[in-house]
Amino acid sequence: MSWAYAFSIAIVAAPAAERVGSEEPVTSEVISLSQDAVGPEGPVPSWEIWQDYVRIKRPNGRGTGLLIAAGATYGVGILAQLTDVAINDGLGSGYAERLFLGASMVLAPVGGFLRGRDDAFVDAAVGRRKASSKVMIGVGLAMAGIGAIAGLANEGMWWQCRINETGPYYVEPPPDVFVAESVCRSGVSRLVLDGSALMFGGGLAMGVWGLKYRKDSKKYERAVISVVPRMQRSQVGIGIVGSF
């Protein structure tokens, strides 16, 4: 939803001199948010120059920690599977691995959202836009859809085996062997689980990044800052007006 506001700050104030004759027309200089300035050490992005005056500041957080956490929790889920295979011959219930894989599928899209918001601001500040955002949206959402369908189908067959002892994953144990729990093809199920979790979490992170990046890029590119001389009865100054 579009929004607008205007504000002004008096930077220099001094007593107004007596005006003689006709008044000079008020002029203004427009500075784009994407325009850089030259500082003592070289070009300075405009968002660094105006961040103390304009209510558009760099967003807090880039989502890097969340993306790292998503990868770490996914790795812990894989480690839980390998531990079950080594210790319990792969007959575990699978609750631990699903807990960590589920957490990674939540953390990744949130990290993508924050990264897209920050990338949009930085790119608008230097006057560029990533052309790959449309591709990221299409590929990411397609991956997420395939991962969701595969994951739901896999979970249905897995829990059908665990609860009802039926379905394609169920393995009939030998008659002379007592098995306390249902014997399921955990290897196939876990491969599908890992792949679908990776596709869903990673694809959704890509899609959310692209959507947030495109939306915020348009908002930041519309931002304009104007430096306008201001004259009142008692003082003369310079005002900064921003409209968004």
Protein backbone atom coordinates (compact mmCIF):
# COMPACT_ATOMS: atom_id res chain seq x y z
CA MET A 1 0.00 0.00 0.00
CA SER A 2 1.42 3.37 -1.01
CA TRP A 3 2.11 5.88 1.74
CA ALA A 4 3.26 9.43 1.85
CA TYR A 5 4.60 11.85 4.33
CA ALA A 6 6.48 15.11 4.29
CA PHE A 7 8.77 16.62 6.83
CA SER A 8 11.25 19.47 7.03
CA ILE A 9 14.28 20.29 9.13
CA ALA A 10 15.80 23.72 9.53
CA ILE A 11 19.56 23.29 9.07
CA VAL A 12 20.80 26.87 9.10
CA ALA A 13 18.92 29.70 10.77
CA ALA A 14 19.83 33.37 10.84
CA PRO A 15 17.97 36.67 11.19
CA ALA A 16 16.38 37.67 7.93
CA ALA A 17 17.85 40.69 6.23
CA GLU A 18 15.72 43.54 5.01
CA ARG A 19 14.35 42.73 1.57
CA VAL A 20 14.51 45.47 -0.98
CA GLY A 21 12.60 45.33 -4.22
CA SER A 22 10.91 42.27 -5.63
CA GLU A 23 11.50 38.86 -4.03
CA GLU A 24 13.67 36.32 -5.75
CA PRO A 25 11.77 33.18 -6.81
CA VAL A 26 12.33 30.21 -4.54
CA THR A 27 14.44 27.55 -6.20
CA SER A 28 14.96 23.96 -5.21
CA GLU A 29 17.51 21.33 -5.90
CA VAL A 30 16.30 17.75 -6.13
CA ILE A 31 18.60 14.98 -4.98
CA SER A 32 17.65 11.39 -5.72
CA LEU A 33 18.02 8.72 -3.08
CA SER A 34 20.19 6.80 -5.54
CA GLN A 35 22.60 9.72 -6.10
CA ASP A 36 25.97 9.47 -4.40
CA ALA A 37 28.05 12.35 -3.06
CA VAL A 38 31.82 12.79 -3.00
CA GLY A 39 33.33 12.72 0.48
CA PRO A 40 36.92 13.07 1.75
CA GLU A 41 37.61 9.39 1.08
CA GLY A 42 35.68 9.06 -2.17
CA PRO A 43 32.03 8.50 -3.19
CA VAL A 44 29.59 8.10 -0.30
CA PRO A 45 26.22 6.35 -0.87
CA SER A 46 23.33 8.73 -0.38
CA TRP A 47 21.70 6.53 2.24
CA GLU A 48 24.73 7.17 4.47
CA ILE A 49 24.50 10.91 3.93
CA TRP A 50 20.80 11.29 4.61
CA GLN A 51 20.16 8.54 7.15
CA ASP A 52 20.12 11.03 10.04
CA TYR A 53 17.59 13.30 8.34
CA VAL A 54 15.32 11.09 6.26
CA ARG A 55 12.99 8.50 7.71
CA ILE A 56 14.12 5.87 5.28
CA LYS A 57 17.00 4.08 6.91
CA ARG A 58 18.67 0.81 6.18
CA PRO A 59 16.53 -2.04 7.57
CA ASN A 60 17.73 -3.80 10.67
CA GLY A 61 19.12 -7.24 9.94
CA ARG A 62 20.06 -8.94 6.68
CA GLY A 63 18.81 -12.41 7.60
CA THR A 64 22.28 -13.93 7.46
CA GLY A 65 21.99 -15.51 10.90
CA LEU A 66 18.62 -17.06 10.06
CA LEU A 67 19.93 -18.53 6.80
CA ILE A 68 22.92 -20.00 8.61
CA ALA A 69 20.62 -21.39 11.30
CA ALA A 70 18.42 -22.95 8.60
CA GLY A 71 21.41 -24.76 7.13
CA ALA A 72 22.61 -25.84 10.58
CA THR A 73 19.24 -27.28 11.64
CA TYR A 74 18.96 -29.11 8.33
CA GLY A 75 22.38 -30.63 8.95
CA VAL A 76 21.37 -31.69 12.46
CA GLY A 77 18.33 -33.43 10.99
CA ILE A 78 20.55 -35.40 8.60
CA LEU A 79 22.88 -36.24 11.50
CA ALA A 80 19.93 -37.59 13.49
CA GLN A 81 19.08 -39.90 10.60
CA LEU A 82 22.64 -41.20 10.32
CA THR A 83 22.80 -41.75 14.08
CA ASP A 84 19.59 -43.77 13.98
CA VAL A 85 20.93 -45.92 11.15
CA ALA A 86 24.22 -46.54 13.01
CA ILE A 87 22.72 -47.25 16.43
CA ASN A 88 19.18 -48.50 15.80
CA ASP A 89 19.44 -50.00 12.31
CA GLY A 90 17.20 -47.25 10.99
CA LEU A 91 14.15 -48.35 12.98
CA GLY A 92 13.67 -45.08 14.84
CA SER A 93 10.36 -43.22 14.78
CA GLY A 94 11.80 -40.22 12.93
CA TYR A 95 10.49 -37.55 15.31
CA ALA A 96 13.87 -35.89 15.93
CA GLU A 97 14.81 -35.55 12.28
CA ARG A 98 11.40 -34.11 11.41
CA LEU A 99 11.72 -31.57 14.21
CA PHE A 100 14.99 -30.17 12.88
CA LEU A 101 14.05 -30.37 9.21
CA GLY A 102 10.79 -28.56 9.97
CA ALA A 103 12.68 -25.81 11.77
CA SER A 104 14.96 -25.31 8.78
CA MET A 105 11.94 -24.96 6.47
CA VAL A 106 10.69 -22.08 8.66
CA LEU A 107 13.99 -20.29 9.21
CA ALA A 108 15.01 -20.21 5.53
CA PRO A 109 12.01 -18.22 4.20
CA VAL A 110 12.22 -15.73 7.07
CA GLY A 111 15.90 -15.22 6.29
CA GLY A 112 15.06 -14.76 2.60
CA PHE A 113 12.47 -12.12 3.50
CA LEU A 114 14.98 -10.08 5.52
CA ARG A 115 17.69 -10.43 2.88
CA GLY A 116 15.34 -9.29 0.12
CA ARG A 117 14.35 -6.20 2.13
CA ASP A 118 17.97 -5.24 2.77
CA ASP A 119 19.15 -5.93 -0.80
CA ALA A 120 16.38 -3.71 -2.16
CA PHE A 121 17.50 -0.80 0.01
CA VAL A 122 21.20 -1.13 -0.79
CA ASP A 123 20.61 -1.51 -4.54
CA ALA A 124 18.29 1.51 -4.63
CA ALA A 125 20.94 3.54 -2.79
CA VAL A 126 23.50 2.88 -5.52
CA GLY A 127 21.00 3.09 -8.40
CA ARG A 128 20.78 -0.50 -9.54
CA ARG A 129 18.27 -3.34 -9.59
CA LYS A 130 18.89 -7.07 -9.86
CA ALA A 131 17.31 -8.45 -13.02
CA SER A 132 17.35 -11.95 -11.53
CA SER A 133 14.48 -11.30 -9.12
CA LYS A 134 11.83 -12.58 -11.56
CA VAL A 135 13.80 -15.76 -12.17
CA MET A 136 14.26 -16.29 -8.43
CA ILE A 137 10.53 -15.92 -7.86
CA GLY A 138 9.55 -18.38 -10.59
CA VAL A 139 12.19 -21.01 -9.86
CA GLY A 140 11.85 -20.67 -6.09
CA LEU A 141 8.08 -21.03 -5.95
CA ALA A 142 8.18 -23.94 -8.41
CA MET A 143 10.73 -25.73 -6.23
CA ALA A 144 8.66 -25.04 -3.12
CA GLY A 145 5.54 -26.44 -4.78
CA ILE A 146 7.27 -29.64 -5.90
CA GLY A 147 8.86 -30.07 -2.48
CA ALA A 148 5.53 -29.58 -0.70
CA ILE A 149 3.71 -32.14 -2.88
CA ALA A 150 6.50 -34.72 -2.58
CA GLY A 151 6.82 -34.16 1.16
CA LEU A 152 3.10 -34.50 1.88
CA ALA A 153 2.84 -37.67 -0.21
CA ASN A 154 5.90 -39.15 1.53
CA GLU A 155 4.60 -38.34 5.00
CA GLY A 156 1.25 -39.90 4.21
CA MET A 157 2.85 -43.17 3.14
CA TRP A 158 5.28 -43.15 6.07
CA TRP A 159 2.67 -42.69 8.76
CA GLN A 160 0.37 -45.15 7.03
CA CYS A 161 3.11 -47.72 7.50
CA ARG A 162 3.91 -46.68 11.08
CA ILE A 163 0.31 -46.63 12.29
CA ASN A 164 -1.64 -49.09 10.15
CA GLU A 165 1.18 -51.38 8.95
CA THR A 166 0.08 -50.93 5.34
CA GLY A 167 1.17 -49.00 2.30
CA PRO A 168 4.17 -49.09 -0.05
CA TYR A 169 6.68 -48.49 2.73
CA TYR A 170 5.56 -51.44 4.86
CA VAL A 171 7.85 -54.48 5.01
CA GLU A 172 6.50 -57.81 6.26
CA PRO A 173 8.91 -59.16 8.90
CA PRO A 174 9.95 -62.84 8.84
CA PRO A 175 7.48 -65.07 10.76
CA ASP A 176 10.12 -66.28 13.21
CA VAL A 177 11.29 -62.76 14.14
CA PHE A 178 9.48 -60.64 16.71
CA VAL A 179 9.43 -56.95 15.89
CA ALA A 180 8.02 -54.56 18.45
CA GLU A 181 7.24 -51.83 15.89
CA SER A 182 6.23 -51.69 12.26
CA VAL A 183 9.08 -52.26 9.82
CA CYS A 184 9.10 -49.54 7.16
CA ARG A 185 11.44 -48.74 4.31
CA SER A 186 13.07 -45.89 6.16
CA GLY A 187 15.84 -45.43 3.60
CA VAL A 188 13.51 -44.49 0.74
CA SER A 189 11.29 -42.41 3.00
CA ARG A 190 14.21 -40.48 4.42
CA LEU A 191 15.68 -39.71 1.02
CA VAL A 192 12.36 -38.27 -0.13
CA LEU A 193 11.98 -36.41 3.18
CA ASP A 194 15.41 -34.81 2.92
CA GLY A 195 14.97 -33.85 -0.73
CA SER A 196 11.49 -32.42 -0.27
CA ALA A 197 12.54 -30.43 2.81
CA LEU A 198 15.50 -28.96 0.92
CA MET A 199 13.39 -28.05 -2.10
CA PHE A 200 10.56 -26.57 -0.05
CA GLY A 201 12.70 -24.55 2.37
CA GLY A 202 15.25 -23.39 -0.19
CA GLY A 203 12.69 -22.69 -2.89
CA LEU A 204 10.43 -20.74 -0.57
CA ALA A 205 13.40 -18.67 0.63
CA MET A 206 14.25 -17.82 -2.99
CA GLY A 207 10.66 -16.92 -3.85
CA VAL A 208 10.14 -14.79 -0.77
CA TRP A 209 13.42 -13.00 -1.41
CA GLY A 210 12.38 -12.15 -4.96
CA LEU A 211 8.91 -10.93 -3.99
CA LYS A 212 10.20 -8.74 -1.15
CA TYR A 213 13.03 -7.39 -3.27
CA ARG A 214 10.74 -6.33 -6.12
CA LYS A 215 8.20 -4.72 -3.81
CA ASP A 216 10.71 -2.72 -1.77
CA SER A 217 12.81 -1.75 -4.80
CA LYS A 218 9.83 0.07 -6.29
CA LYS A 219 9.17 1.83 -2.99
CA TYR A 220 12.74 3.01 -2.51
CA GLU A 221 13.15 4.10 -6.12
CA ARG A 222 10.17 6.45 -5.75
CA ALA A 223 11.84 8.23 -2.83
CA VAL A 224 12.91 11.81 -3.61
CA ILE A 225 14.69 14.28 -1.31
CA SER A 226 14.41 18.02 -1.95
CA VAL A 227 16.61 20.75 -0.44
CA VAL A 228 14.51 23.94 -0.42
CA PRO A 229 15.44 27.41 0.91
CA ARG A 230 12.97 28.60 3.56
CA MET A 231 12.27 32.20 4.44
CA GLN A 232 10.15 33.45 7.33
CA ARG A 233 9.62 36.84 8.95
CA SER A 234 12.20 36.18 11.67
CA GLN A 235 14.70 33.73 10.11
CA VAL A 236 16.19 32.36 6.96
CA GLY A 237 17.09 28.67 6.63
CA ILE A 238 17.26 25.57 4.50
CA GLY A 239 14.65 22.83 4.74
CA ILE A 240 14.82 19.20 3.71
CA VAL A 241 11.55 17.81 2.40
CA GLY A 242 11.04 14.16 1.58
CA SER A 243 7.97 12.70 -0.12
CA PHE A 244 7.43 8.99 -0.58
